[in-house]
C-alpha atoms as a PDB file:
ATOM      1  CA  MET A   1       0.011  -0.019   0.035  1.00  0.00           C
ATOM      2  CA  LYS A   2       1.319   3.544  -0.862  1.00  0.00           C
ATOM      3  CA  ILE A   3       0.396   6.811   0.843  1.00  0.00           C
ATOM      4  CA  THR A   4       1.454  10.039  -0.631  1.00  0.00           C
ATOM      5  CA  HIS A   5       0.854  13.574   0.284  1.00  0.00           C
ATOM      6  CA  PHE A   6       0.456  16.391  -2.335  1.00  0.00           C
ATOM      7  CA  VAL A   7       0.285  20.246  -1.599  1.00  0.00           C
ATOM      8  CA  ASN A   8      -1.456  22.511  -4.256  1.00  0.00           C
ATOM      9  CA  GLY A   9      -1.461  26.006  -2.984  1.00  0.00           C
ATOM     10  CA  GLU A  10      -4.278  26.296  -0.385  1.00  0.00           C
ATOM     11  CA  THR A  11      -5.398  22.678  -0.730  1.00  0.00           C
ATOM     12  CA  SER A  12      -3.788  19.348  -0.218  1.00  0.00           C
ATOM     13  CA  ARG A  13      -4.477  15.675  -0.874  1.00  0.00           C
ATOM     14  CA  ILE A  14      -3.526  12.425   0.486  1.00  0.00           C
ATOM     15  CA  HIS A  15      -3.523   9.362  -1.959  1.00  0.00           C
ATOM     16  CA  ILE A  16      -3.948   5.749  -0.443  1.00  0.00           C
ATOM     17  CA  SER A  17      -3.539   3.212  -3.364  1.00  0.00           C
ATOM     18  CA  GLY A  18      -2.725  -0.325  -3.545  1.00  0.00           C
ATOM     19  CA  PRO A  19      -4.111  -3.937  -4.576  1.00  0.00           C
ATOM     20  CA  PHE A  20      -7.730  -4.774  -3.880  1.00  0.00           C
ATOM     21  CA  TRP A  21      -6.893  -7.253  -1.175  1.00  0.00           C
ATOM     22  CA  GLN A  22      -5.680  -4.301   0.985  1.00  0.00           C
ATOM     23  CA  LEU A  23      -8.873  -2.236   0.600  1.00  0.00           C
ATOM     24  CA  ASN A  24     -10.223  -3.189   4.214  1.00  0.00           C
ATOM     25  CA  LYS A  25      -6.917  -1.977   5.771  1.00  0.00           C
ATOM     26  CA  ALA A  26      -6.934   1.316   3.660  1.00  0.00           C
ATOM     27  CA  ARG A  27     -10.468   2.178   4.635  1.00  0.00           C
ATOM     28  CA  ARG A  28      -9.474   1.757   8.232  1.00  0.00           C
ATOM     29  CA  ILE A  29      -6.342   3.932   7.727  1.00  0.00           C
ATOM     30  CA  ALA A  30      -8.732   6.631   5.852  1.00  0.00           C
ATOM     31  CA  ALA A  31     -11.168   6.391   8.515  1.00  0.00           C
ATOM     32  CA  ALA A  32      -8.557   7.489  11.110  1.00  0.00           C
ATOM     33  CA  GLY A  33      -7.860  10.566   9.030  1.00  0.00           C
ATOM     34  CA  LEU A  34     -11.449  11.397   8.503  1.00  0.00           C
ATOM     35  CA  HIS A  35     -12.004  11.077  12.280  1.00  0.00           C
ATOM     36  CA  ILE A  36      -9.244  13.546  13.189  1.00  0.00           C
ATOM     37  CA  ALA A  37      -9.915  16.243  10.708  1.00  0.00           C
ATOM     38  CA  SER A  38     -12.736  17.645   8.510  1.00  0.00           C
ATOM     39  CA  VAL A  39     -11.569  16.483   5.142  1.00  0.00           C
ATOM     40  CA  ASN A  40     -13.355  15.104   2.257  1.00  0.00           C
ATOM     41  CA  LYS A  41     -13.185  11.604   0.927  1.00  0.00           C
ATOM     42  CA  TRP A  42     -13.293  10.202  -2.818  1.00  0.00           C
ATOM     43  CA  GLU A  43     -12.728   6.429  -3.454  1.00  0.00           C
ATOM     44  CA  ALA A  44     -12.214   4.416  -6.703  1.00  0.00           C
ATOM     45  CA  VAL A  45     -12.172   0.520  -6.492  1.00  0.00           C
ATOM     46  CA  GLY A  46     -11.062  -1.940  -9.145  1.00  0.00           C
ATOM     47  CA  LEU A  47      -8.255  -4.448  -9.300  1.00  0.00           C
ATOM     48  CA  THR A  48      -6.346  -1.555  -7.655  1.00  0.00           C
ATOM     49  CA  PHE A  49      -8.032   1.030  -5.433  1.00  0.00           C
ATOM     50  CA  LYS A  50      -7.365   4.796  -4.782  1.00  0.00           C
ATOM     51  CA  ILE A  51      -8.586   6.695  -1.740  1.00  0.00           C
ATOM     52  CA  THR A  52      -8.271  10.311  -1.788  1.00  0.00           C
ATOM     53  CA  LEU A  53      -8.617  12.532   1.155  1.00  0.00           C
ATOM     54  CA  TYR A  54      -8.703  16.145   0.278  1.00  0.00           C
ATOM     55  CA  GLY A  55      -9.285  19.704   1.874  1.00  0.00           C
ATOM     56  CA  GLN A  56      -7.536  22.607   3.378  1.00  0.00           C
ATOM     57  CA  ASN A  57      -3.737  22.256   3.990  1.00  0.00           C
ATOM     58  CA  ARG A  58      -4.075  22.438   7.864  1.00  0.00           C
ATOM     59  CA  HIS A  59      -6.827  19.945   8.011  1.00  0.00           C
ATOM     60  CA  VAL A  60      -5.104  17.529   5.475  1.00  0.00           C
ATOM     61  CA  LEU A  61      -1.909  17.725   7.404  1.00  0.00           C
ATOM     62  CA  ARG A  62      -3.697  16.708  10.585  1.00  0.00           C
ATOM     63  CA  ALA A  63      -5.291  13.833   8.796  1.00  0.00           C
ATOM     64  CA  TYR A  64      -1.917  12.773   7.310  1.00  0.00           C
ATOM     65  CA  LYS A  65      -0.348  12.493  10.796  1.00  0.00           C
ATOM     66  CA  ALA A  66      -3.213  10.338  11.933  1.00  0.00           C
ATOM     67  CA  VAL A  67      -3.013   8.067   8.717  1.00  0.00           C
ATOM     68  CA  ALA A  68       0.709   7.731   9.109  1.00  0.00           C
ATOM     69  CA  ALA A  69       0.179   6.789  12.819  1.00  0.00           C
ATOM     70  CA  GLU A  70      -2.394   4.205  12.095  1.00  0.00           C
ATOM     71  CA  GLN A  71      -0.285   2.565   9.281  1.00  0.00           C
ATOM     72  CA  GLY A  72       2.592   2.356  11.909  1.00  0.00           C
ATOM     73  CA  SER A  73       4.944   4.568   9.666  1.00  0.00           C
ATOM     74  CA  ASP A  74       7.844   6.148  11.658  1.00  0.00           C
ATOM     75  CA  LYS A  75       8.855   8.299   8.622  1.00  0.00           C
ATOM     76  CA  CYS A  76       6.009  11.004   8.757  1.00  0.00           C
ATOM     77  CA  PRO A  77       7.969  14.291   8.246  1.00  0.00           C
ATOM     78  CA  PHE A  78       5.433  16.390   9.877  1.00  0.00           C
ATOM     79  CA  TRP A  79       5.767  15.390  13.765  1.00  0.00           C
ATOM     80  CA  PHE A  80       6.441  18.671  15.593  1.00  0.00           C
END
């Protein structure tokens, strides 16, 4: 599963993508981000899936921290 963070001016996006057999884990990770911050969600499912969380920079950054913590990654560059 791949998690990437993009910044586009005043808005940001988090893309969570991977093979369909990891979809339940990805939905759980995305739910952690949705619970922490007021961001929007878009989902596309097929043989591979893509879940996008998007919104204002500060909300998406807060959601990215929660997503990285839920995944168990120690490489989140935004811990202050």
